[in-house]
Protein backbone atom coordinates (compact mmCIF):
# COMPACT_ATOMS: atom_id res chain seq x y z
CA MET A 1 0.00 0.00 0.00
CA MET A 2 1.21 3.49 -0.88
CA GLU A 3 1.24 5.52 2.34
CA SER A 4 1.86 8.84 0.63
CA TRP A 5 0.83 10.50 -2.61
CA VAL A 6 1.96 13.47 -4.65
CA GLU A 7 -0.80 15.22 -6.57
CA PRO A 8 0.32 17.36 -9.55
CA LEU A 9 -1.20 20.83 -9.69
CA GLY A 10 -0.84 23.89 -11.90
CA LEU A 11 -0.92 22.02 -15.20
CA LEU A 12 0.48 23.49 -18.41
CA GLN A 13 0.32 22.30 -22.01
CA GLY A 14 2.33 22.67 -25.20
CA ARG A 15 4.68 25.60 -25.60
CA ALA A 16 3.93 26.94 -22.12
CA ALA A 17 4.81 23.56 -20.62
CA ALA A 18 8.05 23.30 -22.59
CA THR A 19 9.08 26.83 -21.65
CA ALA A 20 8.37 26.28 -17.96
CA VAL A 21 10.25 22.95 -17.92
CA ALA A 22 13.26 24.55 -19.62
CA ALA A 23 13.25 27.31 -17.00
CA ASP A 24 13.06 24.76 -14.14
CA LEU A 25 9.65 26.11 -13.18
CA ALA A 26 7.77 22.91 -14.05
CA LEU A 27 8.26 19.18 -14.53
CA PRO A 28 6.81 17.00 -17.32
CA LEU A 29 3.74 14.99 -16.34
CA ALA A 30 4.17 11.30 -17.23
CA GLY A 31 6.85 12.18 -19.76
CA GLY A 32 4.95 15.11 -21.29
CA PRO A 33 3.90 16.97 -23.31
CA GLY A 34 1.97 18.39 -20.35
CA ALA A 35 3.74 19.66 -17.23
CA PHE A 36 2.96 20.60 -13.63
CA THR A 37 4.20 23.58 -11.66
CA MET A 38 2.98 22.72 -8.15
CA VAL A 39 2.11 19.70 -6.03
CA ARG A 40 -0.03 18.73 -3.08
CA LEU A 41 1.62 16.24 -0.73
CA ILE A 42 -0.67 13.68 0.91
CA GLY A 43 0.46 11.44 3.75
CA PRO A 44 2.11 11.34 7.17
CA GLY A 45 4.02 14.53 7.90
CA ALA A 46 2.96 16.23 4.67
CA PRO A 47 2.70 20.04 4.77
CA GLU A 48 -0.75 21.42 4.03
CA GLY A 49 -1.75 23.15 0.82
CA ALA A 50 -0.13 23.54 -2.57
CA LEU A 51 3.65 23.79 -2.84
CA ALA A 52 5.88 25.18 -5.56
CA LEU A 53 8.29 22.55 -6.85
CA ALA A 54 11.22 24.40 -5.30
CA ASP A 55 9.58 24.10 -1.87
CA VAL A 56 9.08 20.32 -1.86
CA PRO A 57 10.84 18.77 1.19
CA ASP A 58 13.80 16.47 0.48
CA GLY A 59 11.97 13.38 1.66
CA TRP A 60 9.32 13.82 -1.05
CA GLN A 61 11.58 14.51 -4.01
CA GLU A 62 11.68 10.93 -5.30
CA ALA A 63 7.88 10.70 -5.27
CA VAL A 64 7.69 13.94 -7.24
CA LEU A 65 10.17 12.68 -9.81
CA ALA A 66 8.10 9.49 -10.21
CA LEU A 67 5.35 11.64 -11.72
CA THR A 68 7.66 12.68 -14.55
CA ARG A 69 8.42 9.21 -15.93
CA ALA A 70 6.73 8.24 -19.17
CA PRO A 71 4.98 4.85 -19.19
CA ALA A 72 6.36 2.33 -21.64
CA ALA A 73 4.53 1.47 -24.86
CA PHE A 74 1.28 -0.35 -24.13
CA ALA A 75 0.38 -3.44 -26.18
CA GLY A 76 2.96 -2.33 -28.72
CA LEU A 77 1.34 1.09 -29.13
CA ALA A 78 3.48 4.16 -28.54
CA LEU A 79 2.25 6.66 -25.94
CA PRO A 80 1.39 9.47 -26.37
CA HIS A 81 0.37 9.32 -30.02
CA GLU A 82 1.07 11.68 -32.93
CA GLY A 83 3.17 14.24 -31.13
CA GLY A 84 1.11 14.51 -27.99
CA ARG A 85 -2.48 13.34 -28.27
CA PRO A 86 -3.72 10.25 -26.43
CA LEU A 87 -4.63 7.09 -28.27
CA VAL A 88 -8.32 6.81 -29.19
CA MET A 89 -9.98 3.49 -28.36
CA GLY A 90 -13.19 2.90 -30.32
CA ILE A 91 -16.02 1.12 -28.51
CA LEU A 92 -17.80 -1.77 -30.22
CA ASN A 93 -20.51 -3.32 -28.05
CA ILE A 94 -22.01 -6.51 -29.45
CA THR A 95 -24.84 -6.68 -26.95
CA PRO A 96 -28.60 -6.24 -26.92
CA ASP A 97 -28.61 -4.09 -23.77
CA SER A 98 -25.62 -1.71 -23.57
CA PHE A 99 -26.73 1.71 -22.33
CA SER A 100 -25.88 3.61 -25.52
CA ASP A 101 -25.60 1.28 -28.50
CA GLY A 102 -27.13 -1.99 -27.38
CA GLY A 103 -28.55 -4.07 -30.22
CA HIS A 104 -26.99 -2.00 -33.00
CA PHE A 105 -24.33 -4.55 -33.90
CA ALA A 106 -25.81 -7.90 -32.91
CA ASP A 107 -25.18 -9.24 -36.42
CA HIS A 108 -21.52 -10.22 -36.86
CA ALA A 109 -21.22 -8.72 -40.33
CA ASN A 110 -22.66 -5.41 -39.16
CA ALA A 111 -20.30 -5.39 -36.18
CA ILE A 112 -17.29 -6.03 -38.39
CA ASP A 113 -18.34 -3.24 -40.75
CA ALA A 114 -18.81 -0.92 -37.77
CA GLY A 115 -15.33 -1.79 -36.50
CA HIS A 116 -13.77 -0.93 -39.85
CA MET A 117 -15.68 2.35 -39.87
CA LEU A 118 -14.27 3.22 -36.44
CA LEU A 119 -10.76 2.52 -37.74
CA GLU A 120 -11.35 4.62 -40.83
CA ALA A 121 -12.56 7.41 -38.55
CA GLY A 122 -9.21 7.38 -36.78
CA ALA A 123 -9.44 4.89 -33.92
CA ASP A 124 -6.01 3.61 -32.85
CA LEU A 125 -7.44 0.44 -31.30
CA LEU A 126 -10.84 -1.16 -30.68
CA ASP A 127 -12.51 -2.37 -27.49
CA ILE A 128 -14.96 -5.19 -28.22
CA GLY A 129 -17.43 -6.42 -25.60
CA GLY A 130 -20.23 -8.97 -25.47
CA GLU A 131 -21.64 -8.24 -22.00
CA SER A 132 -23.19 -4.98 -20.89
CA THR A 133 -21.78 -3.61 -17.64
CA ARG A 134 -24.19 -0.68 -17.33
CA PRO A 135 -25.74 -0.21 -13.87
CA GLY A 136 -28.20 -3.04 -13.20
CA ALA A 137 -27.09 -5.15 -16.17
CA GLN A 138 -27.60 -8.89 -15.92
CA PRO A 139 -24.58 -11.20 -16.31
CA VAL A 140 -23.93 -13.05 -19.55
CA ALA A 141 -22.57 -16.61 -19.64
CA PRO A 142 -19.07 -16.85 -21.17
CA GLU A 143 -20.42 -19.17 -23.88
CA GLU A 144 -22.88 -16.53 -25.07
CA GLU A 145 -20.31 -13.78 -24.69
CA CYS A 146 -17.91 -15.74 -26.91
CA ARG A 147 -20.61 -16.45 -29.49
CA ARG A 148 -21.20 -12.73 -29.80
CA ILE A 149 -17.63 -11.48 -30.05
CA LEU A 150 -15.21 -14.13 -31.33
CA PRO A 151 -16.06 -13.94 -35.06
CA VAL A 152 -15.76 -10.14 -34.86
CA ILE A 153 -12.44 -10.25 -33.03
CA ARG A 154 -10.98 -12.77 -35.49
CA GLU A 155 -11.75 -10.50 -38.42
CA LEU A 156 -10.90 -7.11 -36.91
CA ALA A 157 -7.66 -8.36 -35.36
CA LYS A 158 -6.34 -8.53 -38.92
CA ALA A 159 -6.66 -4.74 -39.12
CA ALA A 160 -6.06 -3.34 -35.64
CA THR A 161 -5.03 -3.88 -32.05
CA ILE A 162 -8.03 -5.38 -30.28
CA SER A 163 -9.04 -5.13 -26.64
CA VAL A 164 -11.66 -7.51 -25.27
CA ASP A 165 -13.99 -6.01 -22.69
CA THR A 166 -14.76 -8.92 -20.36
CA ARG A 167 -14.56 -10.05 -16.74
CA ASN A 168 -14.70 -13.78 -17.49
CA ALA A 169 -11.50 -15.84 -17.74
CA ALA A 170 -12.92 -18.26 -20.32
CA THR A 171 -13.85 -15.36 -22.57
CA MET A 172 -10.44 -13.76 -22.08
CA LEU A 173 -8.68 -16.96 -23.14
CA ALA A 174 -10.86 -17.46 -26.21
CA ALA A 175 -10.55 -13.82 -27.25
CA LEU A 176 -6.76 -13.86 -26.92
CA GLU A 177 -6.63 -17.01 -29.04
CA ALA A 178 -8.82 -15.22 -31.61
CA GLY A 179 -6.35 -12.32 -31.88
CA ALA A 180 -7.10 -9.86 -29.07
CA GLU A 181 -4.01 -8.33 -27.45
CA ILE A 182 -5.56 -6.50 -24.49
CA VAL A 183 -8.02 -7.53 -21.78
CA ASN A 184 -10.16 -4.70 -20.39
CA ASP A 185 -11.68 -5.91 -17.10
CA VAL A 186 -14.07 -3.59 -15.26
CA THR A 187 -13.46 -5.59 -12.08
CA ALA A 188 -9.64 -5.35 -12.25
CA LEU A 189 -9.34 -9.18 -12.36
CA ARG A 190 -11.40 -9.64 -9.18
CA HIS A 191 -14.50 -11.26 -10.66
CA ASP A 192 -12.98 -14.51 -11.95
CA PRO A 193 -10.10 -16.08 -9.98
CA ALA A 194 -8.73 -17.68 -13.16
CA SER A 195 -8.33 -14.35 -14.97
CA ALA A 196 -4.85 -13.54 -13.69
CA ARG A 197 -3.61 -17.02 -14.60
CA VAL A 198 -4.89 -16.62 -18.16
CA LEU A 199 -3.08 -13.32 -18.54
CA ALA A 200 0.12 -14.45 -16.83
CA ARG A 201 0.42 -17.35 -19.28
CA SER A 202 -0.07 -15.03 -22.25
CA GLU A 203 1.74 -11.95 -23.52
CA ALA A 204 -1.42 -9.85 -23.40
CA SER A 205 -1.80 -6.48 -21.73
CA VAL A 206 -4.54 -5.66 -19.24
CA ILE A 207 -6.57 -2.61 -18.23
CA LEU A 208 -7.50 -2.64 -14.54
CA MET A 209 -10.57 -0.54 -13.80
CA HIS A 210 -11.99 0.66 -10.50
CA MET A 211 -15.56 -0.36 -9.79
CA LEU A 212 -17.31 -0.26 -6.43
CA GLY A 213 -17.68 -3.98 -5.73
CA ASP A 214 -17.51 -6.38 -8.65
CA ASP A 215 -21.13 -6.59 -9.78
CA PRO A 216 -22.74 -4.03 -12.14
CA ARG A 217 -26.14 -4.96 -10.70
CA THR A 218 -25.30 -3.40 -7.34
CA MET A 219 -22.50 -0.88 -7.97
CA GLN A 220 -24.80 2.16 -7.99
CA GLN A 221 -26.59 1.28 -4.73
CA ASP A 222 -25.67 4.27 -2.58
CA PRO A 223 -21.94 4.62 -3.41
CA ARG A 224 -20.03 6.48 -0.68
CA TYR A 225 -16.43 7.70 -0.43
CA GLY A 226 -14.43 9.85 1.92
CA ASP A 227 -11.94 11.14 -0.68
CA VAL A 228 -12.99 9.49 -3.94
CA ALA A 229 -9.86 10.43 -5.92
CA LEU A 230 -7.50 9.14 -3.25
CA GLU A 231 -9.52 5.97 -2.62
CA VAL A 232 -9.70 5.13 -6.32
CA ALA A 233 -5.99 5.82 -6.73
CA GLN A 234 -5.16 3.61 -3.76
CA PHE A 235 -7.35 0.79 -5.07
CA LEU A 236 -5.67 0.92 -8.48
CA ALA A 237 -2.17 1.07 -6.98
CA ASP A 238 -2.96 -1.97 -4.84
CA ARG A 239 -4.37 -3.88 -7.82
CA VAL A 240 -1.29 -3.12 -9.93
CA THR A 241 0.90 -4.47 -7.13
CA MET A 242 -1.24 -7.57 -6.72
CA VAL A 243 -1.40 -8.30 -10.44
CA GLU A 244 2.38 -7.97 -10.67
CA ARG A 245 2.71 -10.55 -7.91
CA LEU A 246 0.46 -12.86 -9.92
CA GLY A 247 2.92 -12.82 -12.81
CA ILE A 248 1.84 -9.94 -15.06
CA PRO A 249 4.66 -7.39 -15.55
CA ARG A 250 3.94 -3.72 -14.89
CA GLY A 251 4.78 -2.91 -18.51
CA ARG A 252 1.63 -4.80 -19.57
CA ILE A 253 -0.71 -2.96 -17.18
CA ALA A 254 -2.87 0.16 -17.59
CA ILE A 255 -5.43 1.61 -15.19
CA ASP A 256 -8.87 3.20 -15.51
CA PRO A 257 -10.60 5.21 -12.73
CA GLY A 258 -13.97 3.80 -13.79
CA ILE A 259 -16.05 6.92 -14.39
CA GLY A 260 -19.68 6.03 -13.63
CA PHE A 261 -18.94 2.63 -12.11
CA GLY A 262 -20.17 2.96 -8.53
CA LYS A 263 -19.93 6.76 -8.63
CA ARG A 264 -22.41 9.58 -8.56
CA LEU A 265 -22.04 12.96 -10.25
CA PRO A 266 -19.81 14.60 -7.59
CA HIS A 267 -17.55 11.52 -7.57
CA ASN A 268 -17.14 11.59 -11.34
CA ILE A 269 -16.34 15.31 -11.38
CA ALA A 270 -13.76 14.91 -8.59
CA LEU A 271 -12.07 12.03 -10.41
CA MET A 272 -11.85 14.04 -13.61
CA GLU A 273 -10.51 17.11 -11.83
CA ARG A 274 -7.84 15.09 -10.00
CA LEU A 275 -6.98 12.64 -12.79
CA PRO A 276 -3.25 13.55 -12.65
CA LEU A 277 -3.05 11.92 -9.22
CA LEU A 278 -2.99 8.56 -11.04
CA ALA A 279 0.33 9.41 -12.72
CA GLY A 280 2.06 8.44 -9.50
CA ILE A 281 1.19 4.78 -10.11
CA GLY A 282 3.49 4.75 -13.13
CA VAL A 283 1.34 3.01 -15.75
CA PRO A 284 -0.80 4.39 -18.62
CA VAL A 285 -4.15 5.91 -17.65
CA VAL A 286 -7.24 4.94 -19.66
CA PHE A 287 -10.23 7.28 -19.48
CA GLY A 288 -13.78 6.39 -20.49
CA ALA A 289 -16.64 8.86 -20.02
CA SER A 290 -18.26 8.58 -23.44
CA ARG A 291 -22.04 9.24 -23.42
CA LYS A 292 -22.29 8.42 -19.72
CA ARG A 293 -25.11 9.45 -17.41
CA PHE A 294 -23.21 12.22 -15.65
CA ILE A 295 -22.82 14.02 -19.00
CA GLY A 296 -26.58 13.95 -19.34
CA GLU A 297 -26.97 15.22 -15.78
CA LEU A 298 -24.65 18.15 -16.46
CA SER A 299 -26.02 19.00 -19.89
CA GLY A 300 -29.70 18.12 -19.57
CA VAL A 301 -29.41 15.73 -22.54
CA GLU A 302 -31.38 12.57 -21.81
CA ALA A 303 -30.55 10.27 -24.74
CA PRO A 304 -27.01 8.84 -24.59
CA VAL A 305 -26.61 9.04 -28.38
CA ASP A 306 -27.11 12.82 -28.19
CA ARG A 307 -24.29 13.35 -25.66
CA VAL A 308 -21.54 13.63 -28.27
CA ALA A 309 -20.52 17.21 -27.50
CA GLY A 310 -20.35 16.55 -23.78
CA SER A 311 -18.36 13.39 -24.39
CA VAL A 312 -15.84 15.26 -26.54
CA ALA A 313 -15.49 17.91 -23.83
CA ALA A 314 -14.73 15.18 -21.30
CA ALA A 315 -12.18 13.63 -23.68
CA LEU A 316 -10.36 16.94 -24.13
CA HIS A 317 -10.24 17.44 -20.37
CA ALA A 318 -8.76 13.96 -19.94
CA ALA A 319 -6.21 14.62 -22.68
CA SER A 320 -4.99 17.72 -20.85
CA HIS A 321 -4.87 15.90 -17.50
CA GLY A 322 -2.64 12.95 -18.31
CA ALA A 323 -4.82 10.30 -19.97
CA ALA A 324 -2.88 8.07 -22.38
CA ILE A 325 -5.89 6.29 -23.92
CA ILE A 326 -9.42 7.67 -24.31
CA ARG A 327 -12.25 5.17 -24.81
CA VAL A 328 -15.09 6.60 -26.93
CA HIS A 329 -18.13 5.77 -29.04
CA ASP A 330 -17.80 8.84 -31.27
CA VAL A 331 -14.39 8.32 -32.80
CA ALA A 332 -14.47 10.79 -35.69
CA GLU A 333 -15.63 13.68 -33.51
CA THR A 334 -13.08 12.89 -30.80
CA VAL A 335 -10.17 12.52 -33.25
CA GLN A 336 -11.08 15.83 -34.89
CA ALA A 337 -11.28 17.63 -31.55
CA LEU A 338 -7.99 16.14 -30.37
CA ALA A 339 -6.27 17.18 -33.60
CA VAL A 340 -7.24 20.79 -33.00
CA TRP A 341 -6.42 20.63 -29.28
CA ASN A 342 -3.05 19.04 -30.01
CA ALA A 343 -2.08 21.59 -32.66
CA VAL A 344 -3.03 24.54 -30.46
CA SER A 345 -1.29 23.02 -27.42
CA ALA A 346 1.85 22.46 -29.46
CA GLY A 347 1.90 26.06 -30.64
CA GLY A 348 0.57 25.62 -34.16
CA VAL A 349 1.65 23.78 -37.32
CA GLU A 350 4.15 24.50 -40.04
CA ASP A 351 2.95 26.86 -42.78
CA ASP A 352 3.61 25.17 -46.12
CA ASP A 353 3.40 28.54 -47.86
CA GLY A 354 6.10 29.98 -45.65
């Protein structure tokens, strides 16, 4: 267990970040391109309030420097992508009951076509799932889950890096054999005791997500936290340590704070605001808020499919707060927004006309 934490504050992007780092006024966050100018120290003996980097006590210097280290490539994909923007993970749910797109791609051919469309729109990788994990969702047997997703994974793995969104070890094994390279488990390998063994015997990467409990049917029943950002960070740090002990190297692990999974609106906002806290764990951060309920609560938009603008806003916030991979339904809109954000953050583009 990590007894102390360093929370990056005073974030900068692009040219401002580079200038501040060069002047020793800031440090790169997770290798850059963003940077932080201040920190909050959390733990025994920590001074209160925000501190300038020059005022950090000697005993905390190593923890501060840990925030600057760039995670290694994840599943063979370089991070960050294209000069600074996060990778975009396109969502492909092959389910009848997912909260946003359930039933749209139940036919394998339609799902495969949809996956290719996501790639053409700019997705860097795809996340394919056969079981809804929305609040209150009923479990799906691994046999049915496999029937839904394996033909799609086999075909799309020829064109892209594939993540399988599952909490069942049998499905993980079958999906990896079909060509998937990443397992995305909303329970952080807690649901099925065989999951860690499947991954340890493979070369696959894994995304460990925070969820309150390990059952979508009950996760939204009165979720309570003292300090949600710190509790989620501690959970994820502990799971990374445990999964390493089970034989999965840290270089194959990413983490996800689990926006909307056992969290209410104030919890989700706090996690987004304090996302850089997760950089101290030292692995890539995956962020998924696409079309989720809290966006509807903030915007007054009831239908998930109409929450595109709010989802893009959340993605841009995550990009500027240290996320390495952003999981989205609306790939084209997110890629376009990130291209503009990245160019502006970097200080513009070359003028071909001189």
